[in-house]
Amino acid sequence: MPLPAESLTAKSSDDDIKAAISESIRMCMEEGGREQDQCIAMAYSMARQATGKGKTRLALAHKGMMGEK
């Protein structure tokens, strides 16, 4: 199952990254039957690889989505 995080590019905006990670997590859990922590790790890993952006940059783009402040 291709996930939205795989379609990101280095030019993807923070909003696009956030949406792709969120949708990838949802799809992974619903269609893949995996645990949330596994899906989060997969989505971030795919996004890092697709965008070339580091872990911190992705976390900042995604901040707030999982209830973080």
Protein backbone atom coordinates (compact mmCIF):
# COMPACT_ATOMS: atom_id res chain seq x y z
CA MET A 1 0.00 0.00 0.00
CA PRO A 2 1.67 3.26 -1.05
CA LEU A 3 1.45 5.88 1.66
CA PRO A 4 1.21 9.65 1.11
CA ALA A 5 4.55 10.25 2.88
CA GLU A 6 6.27 8.44 0.00
CA SER A 7 5.08 11.07 -2.49
CA LEU A 8 6.68 14.01 -0.67
CA THR A 9 9.60 15.88 -2.22
CA ALA A 10 12.32 18.23 -1.02
CA LYS A 11 10.05 21.10 -2.10
CA SER A 12 7.06 19.92 -0.05
CA SER A 13 5.73 22.57 2.32
CA ASP A 14 5.47 22.02 6.05
CA ASP A 15 1.68 21.79 5.69
CA ASP A 16 2.03 19.14 2.98
CA ILE A 17 4.46 17.18 5.15
CA LYS A 18 2.14 17.37 8.14
CA ALA A 19 -0.85 16.20 6.09
CA ALA A 20 1.09 13.36 4.45
CA ILE A 21 2.45 12.10 7.76
CA SER A 22 -0.98 12.24 9.38
CA GLU A 23 -2.70 10.43 6.51
CA SER A 24 0.11 7.86 6.31
CA ILE A 25 -0.29 7.05 10.00
CA ARG A 26 -4.05 6.71 9.63
CA MET A 27 -3.79 4.48 6.57
CA CYS A 28 -1.08 2.33 8.13
CA MET A 29 -3.20 1.68 11.21
CA GLU A 30 -6.48 1.10 9.37
CA GLU A 31 -5.30 -0.77 6.31
CA GLY A 32 -2.04 -2.22 7.55
CA GLY A 33 -3.27 -3.32 10.96
CA ARG A 34 -0.12 -2.10 12.69
CA GLU A 35 0.25 -0.44 16.08
CA GLN A 36 0.31 3.37 16.23
CA ASP A 37 3.97 3.59 17.29
CA GLN A 38 5.01 1.44 14.32
CA CYS A 39 3.00 3.58 11.93
CA ILE A 40 4.41 6.82 13.32
CA ALA A 41 7.96 5.52 12.88
CA MET A 42 7.24 4.36 9.34
CA ALA A 43 5.59 7.64 8.30
CA TYR A 44 8.42 9.79 9.66
CA SER A 45 11.05 7.54 8.10
CA MET A 46 9.36 7.73 4.70
CA ALA A 47 8.98 11.50 4.98
CA ARG A 48 12.66 11.93 5.93
CA GLN A 49 13.77 9.81 3.01
CA ALA A 50 11.42 11.48 0.52
CA THR A 51 12.16 15.08 1.55
CA GLY A 52 15.78 14.84 2.62
CA LYS A 53 14.78 16.82 5.71
CA GLY A 54 16.11 15.76 9.07
CA LYS A 55 14.23 14.48 12.05
CA THR A 56 14.04 17.85 13.80
CA ARG A 57 12.67 19.64 10.74
CA LEU A 58 9.93 17.04 10.30
CA ALA A 59 9.05 17.15 13.98
CA LEU A 60 8.66 20.93 13.78
CA ALA A 61 6.48 20.62 10.68
CA HIS A 62 4.34 18.04 12.43
CA LYS A 63 4.31 19.64 15.90
CA GLY A 64 0.91 19.93 17.45
CA MET A 65 -0.71 17.19 15.40
CA MET A 66 -0.30 14.53 18.06
CA GLY A 67 -1.33 16.85 20.93
CA GLU A 68 2.16 18.25 21.48
CA LYS A 69 2.63 21.90 22.36
